[in-house]
Amino acid sequence: MSQFFTRFLQLTLCGLTSLAVVNTLPVAAESAPQAENIGYQNNGYIGIGSAIGLGGNTTALGTDGVAILTKVRFSDNFSLHDATILFGGGAATSMIIVSADFPIRNNAGQTIISPFIGGGAMLRYDRGLLISPAISGGVDIPVSQNFTGTVRLNAGFPDNRNADVGILAGVGYNFGN
């Protein structure tokens, strides 16, 4: 709008001789196409994926199963990653991880990949609620404006002193765009 007003004033005050000068000036906003914002600016996602157990059999994390994956972003570098693993060989398990995120951006400032690492709690119900320490690390990758892919390596430490380790991979629907 301000470019239109500036051109209007130039034409009015300087007459038609300035018309040729004004029309030959390049305007950056008109010449540069806007890049599609595929980097996420959302507040999180909720999705579904699979759990692939790598070791341990005390919880569903150590065996295979279906995972419900979520992320709630508090800032660019701080978020809550949650995963609930169902239908596995062990007790149903939830991982609640507070994570430090390290977003990698392209020249346009869009996040293209966001590695994270953190710690928290593993919750499982096996004849009562049991809470154990857990750690996680992984990456969130924006696939489109509406979807984010995630891959995580989680480890939980149940009471039996053996670690349950698993890889979680899935796709989440972004919210808060």
N, C-alpha and C. Protein backbone atom coordinates (compact mmCIF):
# COMPACT_ATOMS: atom_id res chain seq x y z
N MET A 1 0.82 -1.18 0.00
CA MET A 1 0.00 0.00 0.00
C MET A 1 0.86 1.25 0.00
N SER A 2 1.97 1.24 0.76
CA SER A 2 2.83 2.43 0.82
C SER A 2 3.54 2.66 -0.50
N GLN A 3 3.85 1.59 -1.26
CA GLN A 3 4.48 1.77 -2.58
C GLN A 3 3.51 2.46 -3.52
N PHE A 4 2.24 2.10 -3.47
CA PHE A 4 1.24 2.75 -4.31
C PHE A 4 1.15 4.22 -3.98
N PHE A 5 1.09 4.54 -2.68
CA PHE A 5 0.98 5.93 -2.25
C PHE A 5 2.20 6.72 -2.68
N THR A 6 3.39 6.15 -2.56
CA THR A 6 4.62 6.83 -2.98
C THR A 6 4.61 7.10 -4.47
N ARG A 7 4.20 6.14 -5.26
CA ARG A 7 4.14 6.34 -6.71
C ARG A 7 3.10 7.40 -7.08
N PHE A 8 1.99 7.38 -6.38
CA PHE A 8 0.95 8.37 -6.65
C PHE A 8 1.46 9.78 -6.39
N LEU A 9 2.18 9.96 -5.28
CA LEU A 9 2.73 11.28 -4.96
C LEU A 9 3.76 11.72 -6.00
N GLN A 10 4.62 10.80 -6.41
CA GLN A 10 5.63 11.14 -7.41
C GLN A 10 4.99 11.57 -8.71
N LEU A 11 3.97 10.87 -9.14
CA LEU A 11 3.29 11.23 -10.38
C LEU A 11 2.59 12.57 -10.27
N THR A 12 1.98 12.81 -9.14
CA THR A 12 1.24 14.05 -8.96
C THR A 12 2.18 15.24 -8.86
N LEU A 13 3.25 15.13 -8.07
CA LEU A 13 4.13 16.27 -7.83
C LEU A 13 5.11 16.53 -8.97
N CYS A 14 5.61 15.51 -9.58
CA CYS A 14 6.65 15.68 -10.58
C CYS A 14 6.13 15.63 -12.01
N GLY A 15 4.90 15.28 -12.21
CA GLY A 15 4.35 15.24 -13.56
C GLY A 15 4.69 13.95 -14.24
N LEU A 16 4.40 13.88 -15.49
CA LEU A 16 4.58 12.67 -16.26
C LEU A 16 6.04 12.33 -16.53
N THR A 17 6.97 13.26 -16.36
CA THR A 17 8.39 12.96 -16.63
C THR A 17 8.95 11.94 -15.63
N SER A 18 8.42 11.91 -14.44
CA SER A 18 8.92 10.95 -13.46
C SER A 18 8.33 9.56 -13.65
N LEU A 19 7.31 9.43 -14.50
CA LEU A 19 6.68 8.14 -14.71
C LEU A 19 7.67 7.09 -15.21
N ALA A 20 8.52 7.47 -16.15
CA ALA A 20 9.49 6.53 -16.69
C ALA A 20 10.50 6.11 -15.62
N VAL A 21 10.92 7.01 -14.74
CA VAL A 21 11.89 6.70 -13.70
C VAL A 21 11.27 5.76 -12.66
N VAL A 22 10.06 6.04 -12.23
CA VAL A 22 9.40 5.22 -11.21
C VAL A 22 9.17 3.81 -11.71
N ASN A 23 8.73 3.65 -12.94
CA ASN A 23 8.42 2.32 -13.47
C ASN A 23 9.66 1.49 -13.75
N THR A 24 10.83 2.08 -13.82
CA THR A 24 12.05 1.32 -14.07
C THR A 24 12.73 0.88 -12.78
N LEU A 25 12.31 1.41 -11.65
CA LEU A 25 12.92 1.01 -10.38
C LEU A 25 12.45 -0.40 -10.01
N PRO A 26 13.39 -1.30 -9.69
CA PRO A 26 12.98 -2.65 -9.29
C PRO A 26 12.37 -2.63 -7.89
N VAL A 27 11.37 -3.43 -7.71
CA VAL A 27 10.72 -3.56 -6.41
C VAL A 27 10.97 -4.99 -5.94
N ALA A 28 11.68 -5.13 -4.82
CA ALA A 28 12.09 -6.46 -4.34
C ALA A 28 10.89 -7.34 -4.01
N ALA A 29 9.84 -6.77 -3.44
CA ALA A 29 8.69 -7.57 -3.04
C ALA A 29 7.97 -8.17 -4.24
N GLU A 30 7.99 -7.48 -5.38
CA GLU A 30 7.31 -7.99 -6.56
C GLU A 30 8.16 -8.99 -7.32
N SER A 31 9.48 -8.88 -7.25
CA SER A 31 10.34 -9.73 -8.06
C SER A 31 10.71 -11.04 -7.39
N ALA A 32 10.68 -11.11 -6.07
CA ALA A 32 11.08 -12.33 -5.37
C ALA A 32 9.85 -13.14 -5.01
N PRO A 33 9.73 -14.38 -5.51
CA PRO A 33 8.59 -15.21 -5.12
C PRO A 33 8.70 -15.62 -3.66
N GLN A 34 7.59 -15.72 -2.99
CA GLN A 34 7.57 -16.12 -1.59
C GLN A 34 7.76 -17.62 -1.49
N ALA A 35 8.70 -18.04 -0.63
CA ALA A 35 8.95 -19.47 -0.43
C ALA A 35 7.83 -20.06 0.40
N GLU A 36 7.45 -21.29 0.07
CA GLU A 36 6.44 -21.99 0.86
C GLU A 36 7.02 -22.29 2.23
N ASN A 37 6.30 -22.00 3.27
CA ASN A 37 6.78 -22.21 4.62
C ASN A 37 6.52 -23.65 5.04
N ILE A 38 7.47 -24.53 4.72
CA ILE A 38 7.31 -25.92 5.15
C ILE A 38 7.95 -26.15 6.51
N GLY A 39 8.78 -25.22 6.95
CA GLY A 39 9.33 -25.33 8.30
C GLY A 39 8.22 -25.08 9.29
N TYR A 40 8.20 -25.85 10.38
CA TYR A 40 7.07 -25.70 11.26
C TYR A 40 7.22 -24.52 12.20
N GLN A 41 6.14 -23.83 12.37
CA GLN A 41 6.02 -22.75 13.32
C GLN A 41 4.88 -23.10 14.27
N ASN A 42 4.61 -24.38 14.43
CA ASN A 42 3.46 -24.81 15.21
C ASN A 42 3.81 -24.94 16.68
N ASN A 43 2.82 -25.25 17.46
CA ASN A 43 3.03 -25.46 18.89
C ASN A 43 3.17 -26.93 19.25
N GLY A 44 3.05 -27.81 18.26
CA GLY A 44 3.21 -29.23 18.54
C GLY A 44 2.49 -30.08 17.53
N TYR A 45 2.40 -31.38 17.84
CA TYR A 45 1.70 -32.32 16.97
C TYR A 45 1.16 -33.48 17.78
N ILE A 46 0.24 -34.20 17.18
CA ILE A 46 -0.26 -35.45 17.73
C ILE A 46 -0.34 -36.43 16.56
N GLY A 47 0.15 -37.65 16.78
CA GLY A 47 0.19 -38.59 15.67
C GLY A 47 0.26 -40.03 16.12
N ILE A 48 0.54 -40.86 15.14
CA ILE A 48 0.60 -42.30 15.38
C ILE A 48 1.86 -42.85 14.73
N GLY A 49 2.36 -43.92 15.31
CA GLY A 49 3.57 -44.53 14.76
C GLY A 49 3.73 -45.94 15.28
N SER A 50 4.93 -46.43 15.16
CA SER A 50 5.20 -47.78 15.64
C SER A 50 6.40 -47.77 16.58
N ALA A 51 6.41 -48.74 17.46
CA ALA A 51 7.51 -48.94 18.39
C ALA A 51 8.23 -50.22 18.00
N ILE A 52 9.53 -50.13 17.91
CA ILE A 52 10.36 -51.29 17.59
C ILE A 52 11.26 -51.54 18.79
N GLY A 53 11.00 -52.61 19.51
CA GLY A 53 11.78 -52.92 20.70
C GLY A 53 13.18 -53.38 20.36
N LEU A 54 14.16 -52.83 21.07
CA LEU A 54 15.56 -53.21 20.87
C LEU A 54 16.12 -54.02 22.02
N GLY A 55 15.47 -53.95 23.16
CA GLY A 55 15.97 -54.69 24.30
C GLY A 55 15.09 -54.51 25.51
N GLY A 56 15.02 -55.53 26.33
CA GLY A 56 14.19 -55.51 27.53
C GLY A 56 12.79 -55.98 27.20
N ASN A 57 12.13 -56.57 28.20
CA ASN A 57 10.76 -57.04 27.97
C ASN A 57 9.83 -56.72 29.12
N THR A 58 10.24 -55.79 29.97
CA THR A 58 9.41 -55.42 31.11
C THR A 58 8.24 -54.54 30.68
N THR A 59 8.45 -53.69 29.68
CA THR A 59 7.43 -52.75 29.24
C THR A 59 7.20 -52.90 27.74
N ALA A 60 6.20 -52.21 27.23
CA ALA A 60 5.93 -52.22 25.79
C ALA A 60 7.04 -51.52 25.01
N LEU A 61 7.83 -50.69 25.66
CA LEU A 61 8.95 -50.03 24.98
C LEU A 61 9.97 -51.04 24.48
N GLY A 62 10.22 -52.08 25.24
CA GLY A 62 11.20 -53.08 24.86
C GLY A 62 10.69 -54.10 23.85
N THR A 63 9.40 -54.08 23.59
CA THR A 63 8.81 -54.98 22.59
C THR A 63 8.17 -54.13 21.50
N ASP A 64 7.62 -54.74 20.49
CA ASP A 64 6.99 -54.00 19.40
C ASP A 64 5.57 -53.59 19.79
N GLY A 65 5.09 -52.49 19.19
CA GLY A 65 3.74 -52.05 19.47
C GLY A 65 3.35 -50.84 18.65
N VAL A 66 2.14 -50.35 18.88
CA VAL A 66 1.62 -49.15 18.23
C VAL A 66 1.82 -47.99 19.20
N ALA A 67 2.28 -46.85 18.67
CA ALA A 67 2.58 -45.71 19.53
C ALA A 67 1.73 -44.50 19.16
N ILE A 68 1.24 -43.82 20.18
CA ILE A 68 0.60 -42.51 20.01
C ILE A 68 1.66 -41.50 20.41
N LEU A 69 2.02 -40.61 19.48
CA LEU A 69 3.14 -39.68 19.68
C LEU A 69 2.62 -38.25 19.75
N THR A 70 3.12 -37.49 20.72
CA THR A 70 2.74 -36.08 20.81
C THR A 70 3.97 -35.23 21.14
N LYS A 71 3.83 -33.96 20.81
CA LYS A 71 4.84 -32.97 21.19
C LYS A 71 4.11 -31.67 21.50
N VAL A 72 4.48 -31.05 22.60
CA VAL A 72 3.99 -29.73 22.96
C VAL A 72 5.21 -28.84 23.07
N ARG A 73 5.26 -27.82 22.23
CA ARG A 73 6.43 -26.93 22.18
C ARG A 73 6.17 -25.72 23.07
N PHE A 74 7.09 -25.47 24.00
CA PHE A 74 7.00 -24.31 24.87
C PHE A 74 7.78 -23.13 24.29
N SER A 75 8.88 -23.42 23.59
CA SER A 75 9.68 -22.41 22.91
C SER A 75 10.45 -23.11 21.80
N ASP A 76 11.28 -22.39 21.07
CA ASP A 76 12.06 -23.02 20.01
C ASP A 76 13.01 -24.09 20.54
N ASN A 77 13.42 -23.98 21.79
CA ASN A 77 14.43 -24.89 22.32
C ASN A 77 13.97 -25.71 23.52
N PHE A 78 12.67 -25.75 23.78
CA PHE A 78 12.17 -26.44 24.97
C PHE A 78 10.79 -27.00 24.67
N SER A 79 10.63 -28.33 24.85
CA SER A 79 9.33 -28.92 24.57
C SER A 79 9.11 -30.19 25.41
N LEU A 80 7.91 -30.72 25.30
CA LEU A 80 7.51 -31.94 25.98
C LEU A 80 7.17 -32.97 24.92
N HIS A 81 7.93 -34.07 24.86
CA HIS A 81 7.65 -35.17 23.94
C HIS A 81 7.01 -36.30 24.74
N ASP A 82 5.89 -36.79 24.25
CA ASP A 82 5.17 -37.85 24.94
C ASP A 82 4.92 -38.99 23.97
N ALA A 83 4.97 -40.19 24.45
CA ALA A 83 4.63 -41.36 23.64
C ALA A 83 3.94 -42.38 24.53
N THR A 84 2.86 -42.93 24.02
CA THR A 84 2.17 -44.01 24.70
C THR A 84 2.19 -45.22 23.78
N ILE A 85 2.73 -46.32 24.27
CA ILE A 85 2.89 -47.52 23.47
C ILE A 85 1.84 -48.54 23.92
N LEU A 86 1.02 -48.95 22.96
CA LEU A 86 -0.06 -49.90 23.23
C LEU A 86 0.15 -51.16 22.42
N PHE A 87 -0.52 -52.21 22.79
CA PHE A 87 -0.55 -53.46 22.04
C PHE A 87 0.84 -54.09 21.89
N GLY A 88 1.73 -53.79 22.80
CA GLY A 88 3.05 -54.42 22.77
C GLY A 88 3.05 -55.69 23.59
N GLY A 89 4.19 -56.34 23.64
CA GLY A 89 4.31 -57.57 24.39
C GLY A 89 4.36 -57.35 25.89
N GLY A 90 4.76 -56.17 26.34
CA GLY A 90 4.84 -55.88 27.76
C GLY A 90 3.68 -55.00 28.20
N ALA A 91 3.77 -54.47 29.39
CA ALA A 91 2.73 -53.60 29.93
C ALA A 91 2.68 -52.30 29.13
N ALA A 92 1.47 -51.78 28.90
CA ALA A 92 1.31 -50.50 28.20
C ALA A 92 2.15 -49.45 28.91
N THR A 93 2.82 -48.61 28.11
CA THR A 93 3.83 -47.70 28.65
C THR A 93 3.67 -46.32 28.08
N SER A 94 3.83 -45.30 28.93
CA SER A 94 3.88 -43.91 28.47
C SER A 94 5.23 -43.32 28.85
N MET A 95 5.80 -42.57 27.92
CA MET A 95 7.06 -41.86 28.16
C MET A 95 6.75 -40.37 28.13
N ILE A 96 7.08 -39.66 29.20
CA ILE A 96 6.89 -38.21 29.25
C ILE A 96 8.27 -37.60 29.39
N ILE A 97 8.73 -36.94 28.33
CA ILE A 97 10.11 -36.45 28.25
C ILE A 97 10.13 -34.94 28.10
N VAL A 98 10.83 -34.25 28.96
CA VAL A 98 11.11 -32.82 28.80
C VAL A 98 12.40 -32.73 28.00
N SER A 99 12.34 -32.03 26.87
CA SER A 99 13.48 -32.08 25.96
C SER A 99 14.04 -30.71 25.62
N ALA A 100 15.32 -30.71 25.33
CA ALA A 100 15.99 -29.54 24.75
C ALA A 100 16.03 -29.77 23.24
N ASP A 101 15.53 -28.81 22.48
CA ASP A 101 15.47 -28.91 21.02
C ASP A 101 16.55 -28.04 20.40
N PHE A 102 17.10 -28.51 19.29
CA PHE A 102 18.16 -27.78 18.59
C PHE A 102 17.77 -27.62 17.12
N PRO A 103 16.81 -26.72 16.82
CA PRO A 103 16.32 -26.60 15.44
C PRO A 103 17.40 -26.11 14.48
N ILE A 104 17.44 -26.74 13.31
CA ILE A 104 18.35 -26.34 12.23
C ILE A 104 17.49 -25.69 11.17
N ARG A 105 17.86 -24.46 10.80
CA ARG A 105 17.05 -23.68 9.87
C ARG A 105 17.77 -23.45 8.55
N ASN A 106 16.98 -23.23 7.50
CA ASN A 106 17.56 -22.87 6.20
C ASN A 106 17.76 -21.35 6.16
N ASN A 107 18.20 -20.82 5.03
CA ASN A 107 18.47 -19.39 4.90
C ASN A 107 17.23 -18.53 5.08
N ALA A 108 16.05 -19.09 4.84
CA ALA A 108 14.81 -18.34 4.99
C ALA A 108 14.30 -18.37 6.43
N GLY A 109 15.01 -19.04 7.33
CA GLY A 109 14.60 -19.10 8.73
C GLY A 109 13.63 -20.21 9.04
N GLN A 110 13.37 -21.10 8.10
CA GLN A 110 12.44 -22.20 8.31
C GLN A 110 13.17 -23.39 8.94
N THR A 111 12.53 -24.02 9.91
CA THR A 111 13.11 -25.20 10.53
C THR A 111 13.03 -26.37 9.54
N ILE A 112 14.18 -26.98 9.25
CA ILE A 112 14.18 -28.11 8.33
C ILE A 112 14.36 -29.44 9.07
N ILE A 113 14.93 -29.39 10.26
CA ILE A 113 15.07 -30.58 11.11
C ILE A 113 15.32 -30.09 12.53
N SER A 114 14.80 -30.82 13.50
CA SER A 114 14.95 -30.39 14.88
C SER A 114 15.35 -31.58 15.76
N PRO A 115 16.66 -31.79 15.96
CA PRO A 115 17.10 -32.82 16.89
C PRO A 115 16.74 -32.44 18.33
N PHE A 116 16.52 -33.43 19.17
CA PHE A 116 16.21 -33.15 20.58
C PHE A 116 16.78 -34.25 21.46
N ILE A 117 16.96 -33.90 22.72
CA ILE A 117 17.42 -34.85 23.73
C ILE A 117 16.81 -34.44 25.06
N GLY A 118 16.46 -35.42 25.88
CA GLY A 118 15.85 -35.06 27.15
C GLY A 118 15.67 -36.24 28.08
N GLY A 119 15.08 -35.95 29.20
CA GLY A 119 14.83 -36.96 30.21
C GLY A 119 13.48 -36.74 30.86
N GLY A 120 13.00 -37.77 31.51
CA GLY A 120 11.70 -37.66 32.15
C GLY A 120 11.31 -38.95 32.84
N ALA A 121 10.06 -39.32 32.66
CA ALA A 121 9.51 -40.47 33.37
C ALA A 121 8.87 -41.47 32.42
N MET A 122 8.98 -42.72 32.78
CA MET A 122 8.28 -43.79 32.08
C MET A 122 7.18 -44.28 33.03
N LEU A 123 5.94 -44.25 32.56
CA LEU A 123 4.80 -44.67 33.36
C LEU A 123 4.26 -45.97 32.77
N ARG A 124 3.98 -46.93 33.62
CA ARG A 124 3.39 -48.17 33.15
C ARG A 124 2.43 -48.69 34.21
N TYR A 125 1.44 -49.38 33.73
CA TYR A 125 0.47 -49.97 34.66
C TYR A 125 0.63 -51.47 34.63
N ASP A 126 1.14 -52.00 35.71
CA ASP A 126 1.34 -53.44 35.85
C ASP A 126 1.00 -53.79 37.30
N ARG A 127 -0.28 -54.13 37.55
CA ARG A 127 -0.78 -54.35 38.92
C ARG A 127 -0.56 -53.10 39.78
N GLY A 128 -0.78 -51.96 39.18
CA GLY A 128 -0.60 -50.68 39.85
C GLY A 128 0.30 -49.78 39.00
N LEU A 129 0.24 -48.50 39.24
CA LEU A 129 1.03 -47.54 38.47
C LEU A 129 2.48 -47.56 38.94
N LEU A 130 3.39 -47.74 38.00
CA LEU A 130 4.82 -47.74 38.29
C LEU A 130 5.49 -46.62 37.51
N ILE A 131 6.34 -45.86 38.17
CA ILE A 131 7.04 -44.73 37.54
C ILE A 131 8.54 -44.99 37.63
N SER A 132 9.20 -44.86 36.47
CA SER A 132 10.64 -45.11 36.38
C SER A 132 11.29 -43.98 35.58
N PRO A 133 12.59 -43.76 35.74
CA PRO A 133 13.27 -42.74 34.94
C PRO A 133 13.39 -43.17 33.47
N ALA A 134 13.50 -42.16 32.59
CA ALA A 134 13.61 -42.43 31.15
C ALA A 134 14.42 -41.33 30.48
N ILE A 135 15.04 -41.68 29.36
CA ILE A 135 15.75 -40.71 28.54
C ILE A 135 15.32 -40.92 27.09
N SER A 136 15.49 -39.87 26.28
CA SER A 136 15.09 -39.95 24.89
C SER A 136 15.92 -39.00 24.05
N GLY A 137 16.10 -39.36 22.80
CA GLY A 137 16.75 -38.50 21.83
C GLY A 137 16.19 -38.82 20.46
N GLY A 138 16.11 -37.82 19.60
CA GLY A 138 15.56 -38.08 18.27
C GLY A 138 15.54 -36.83 17.42
N VAL A 139 14.76 -36.90 16.35
CA VAL A 139 14.61 -35.77 15.44
C VAL A 139 13.15 -35.62 15.04
N ASP A 140 12.73 -34.37 14.90
CA ASP A 140 11.44 -34.02 14.31
C ASP A 140 11.74 -33.38 12.97
N ILE A 141 11.04 -33.85 11.92
CA ILE A 141 11.29 -33.37 10.57
C ILE A 141 9.98 -32.88 9.97
N PRO A 142 9.86 -31.56 9.70
CA PRO A 142 8.63 -31.07 9.06
C PRO A 142 8.50 -31.66 7.65
N VAL A 143 7.40 -32.34 7.40
CA VAL A 143 7.15 -32.94 6.10
C VAL A 143 6.36 -31.98 5.22
N SER A 144 5.43 -31.27 5.83
CA SER A 144 4.63 -30.25 5.16
C SER A 144 4.18 -29.27 6.24
N GLN A 145 3.35 -28.33 5.86
CA GLN A 145 2.86 -27.37 6.84
C GLN A 145 1.98 -28.05 7.89
N ASN A 146 1.34 -29.15 7.51
CA ASN A 146 0.41 -29.82 8.41
C ASN A 146 0.96 -31.07 9.10
N PHE A 147 2.09 -31.61 8.63
CA PHE A 147 2.58 -32.87 9.17
C PHE A 147 4.06 -32.81 9.51
N THR A 148 4.42 -33.50 10.60
CA THR A 148 5.81 -33.62 11.05
C THR A 148 6.12 -35.09 11.27
N GLY A 149 7.26 -35.54 10.74
CA GLY A 149 7.72 -36.89 11.01
C GLY A 149 8.64 -36.88 12.22
N THR A 150 8.66 -37.97 12.95
CA THR A 150 9.52 -38.05 14.13
C THR A 150 10.12 -39.45 14.25
N VAL A 151 11.37 -39.48 14.69
CA VAL A 151 12.06 -40.73 15.01
C VAL A 151 12.74 -40.51 16.35
N ARG A 152 12.52 -41.44 17.27
CA ARG A 152 13.05 -41.30 18.63
C ARG A 152 13.67 -42.60 19.11
N LEU A 153 14.74 -42.47 19.87
CA LEU A 153 15.32 -43.60 20.58
C LEU A 153 15.05 -43.36 22.06
N ASN A 154 14.27 -44.23 22.67
CA ASN A 154 13.89 -44.08 24.07
C ASN A 154 14.48 -45.22 24.90
N ALA A 155 14.83 -44.89 26.13
CA ALA A 155 15.29 -45.90 27.08
C ALA A 155 14.62 -45.63 28.42
N GLY A 156 14.04 -46.66 28.97
CA GLY A 156 13.42 -46.58 30.29
C GLY A 156 14.12 -47.54 31.22
N PHE A 157 14.11 -47.22 32.50
CA PHE A 157 14.84 -48.02 33.49
C PHE A 157 13.88 -48.51 34.57
N PRO A 158 13.17 -49.62 34.29
CA PRO A 158 12.23 -50.16 35.29
C PRO A 158 12.96 -50.72 36.51
N ASP A 159 12.18 -51.13 37.48
CA ASP A 159 12.71 -51.57 38.77
C ASP A 159 13.68 -52.74 38.71
N ASN A 160 13.60 -53.56 37.65
CA ASN A 160 14.43 -54.77 37.61
C ASN A 160 15.87 -54.51 37.17
N ARG A 161 16.27 -53.27 37.08
CA ARG A 161 17.63 -52.83 36.76
C ARG A 161 18.06 -53.14 35.32
N ASN A 162 17.13 -53.59 34.50
CA ASN A 162 17.40 -53.78 33.08
C ASN A 162 16.75 -52.63 32.30
N ALA A 163 17.43 -52.15 31.30
CA ALA A 163 16.88 -51.06 30.50
C ALA A 163 15.98 -51.63 29.41
N ASP A 164 14.83 -51.00 29.22
CA ASP A 164 13.98 -51.28 28.08
C ASP A 164 14.27 -50.20 27.05
N VAL A 165 14.65 -50.59 25.83
CA VAL A 165 15.06 -49.64 24.80
C VAL A 165 14.22 -49.90 23.56
N GLY A 166 13.80 -48.81 22.91
CA GLY A 166 13.03 -48.96 21.69
C GLY A 166 13.13 -47.73 20.80
N ILE A 167 12.89 -47.95 19.52
CA ILE A 167 12.82 -46.87 18.54
C ILE A 167 11.35 -46.61 18.24
N LEU A 168 10.98 -45.35 18.27
CA LEU A 168 9.63 -44.94 17.92
C LEU A 168 9.71 -44.11 16.65
N ALA A 169 8.86 -44.41 15.68
CA ALA A 169 8.83 -43.65 14.42
C ALA A 169 7.38 -43.43 14.04
N GLY A 170 7.09 -42.20 13.59
CA GLY A 170 5.71 -41.92 13.20
C GLY A 170 5.55 -40.57 12.56
N VAL A 171 4.29 -40.22 12.31
CA VAL A 171 3.92 -38.95 11.69
C VAL A 171 2.84 -38.30 12.54
N GLY A 172 3.00 -36.99 12.79
CA GLY A 172 2.04 -36.27 13.58
C GLY A 172 1.39 -35.14 12.81
N TYR A 173 0.15 -34.83 13.18
CA TYR A 173 -0.59 -33.70 12.62
C TYR A 173 -0.28 -32.47 13.46
N ASN A 174 0.22 -31.42 12.83
CA ASN A 174 0.61 -30.20 13.54
C ASN A 174 -0.62 -29.43 14.01
N PHE A 175 -0.52 -28.87 15.21
CA PHE A 175 -1.57 -27.98 15.71
C PHE A 175 -0.93 -26.67 16.15
N GLY A 176 -1.75 -25.65 16.21
CA GLY A 176 -1.27 -24.34 16.65
C GLY A 176 -0.52 -23.57 15.58
N ASN A 177 -0.80 -23.82 14.29
CA ASN A 177 -0.13 -23.09 13.20
C ASN A 177 -0.55 -21.65 13.19
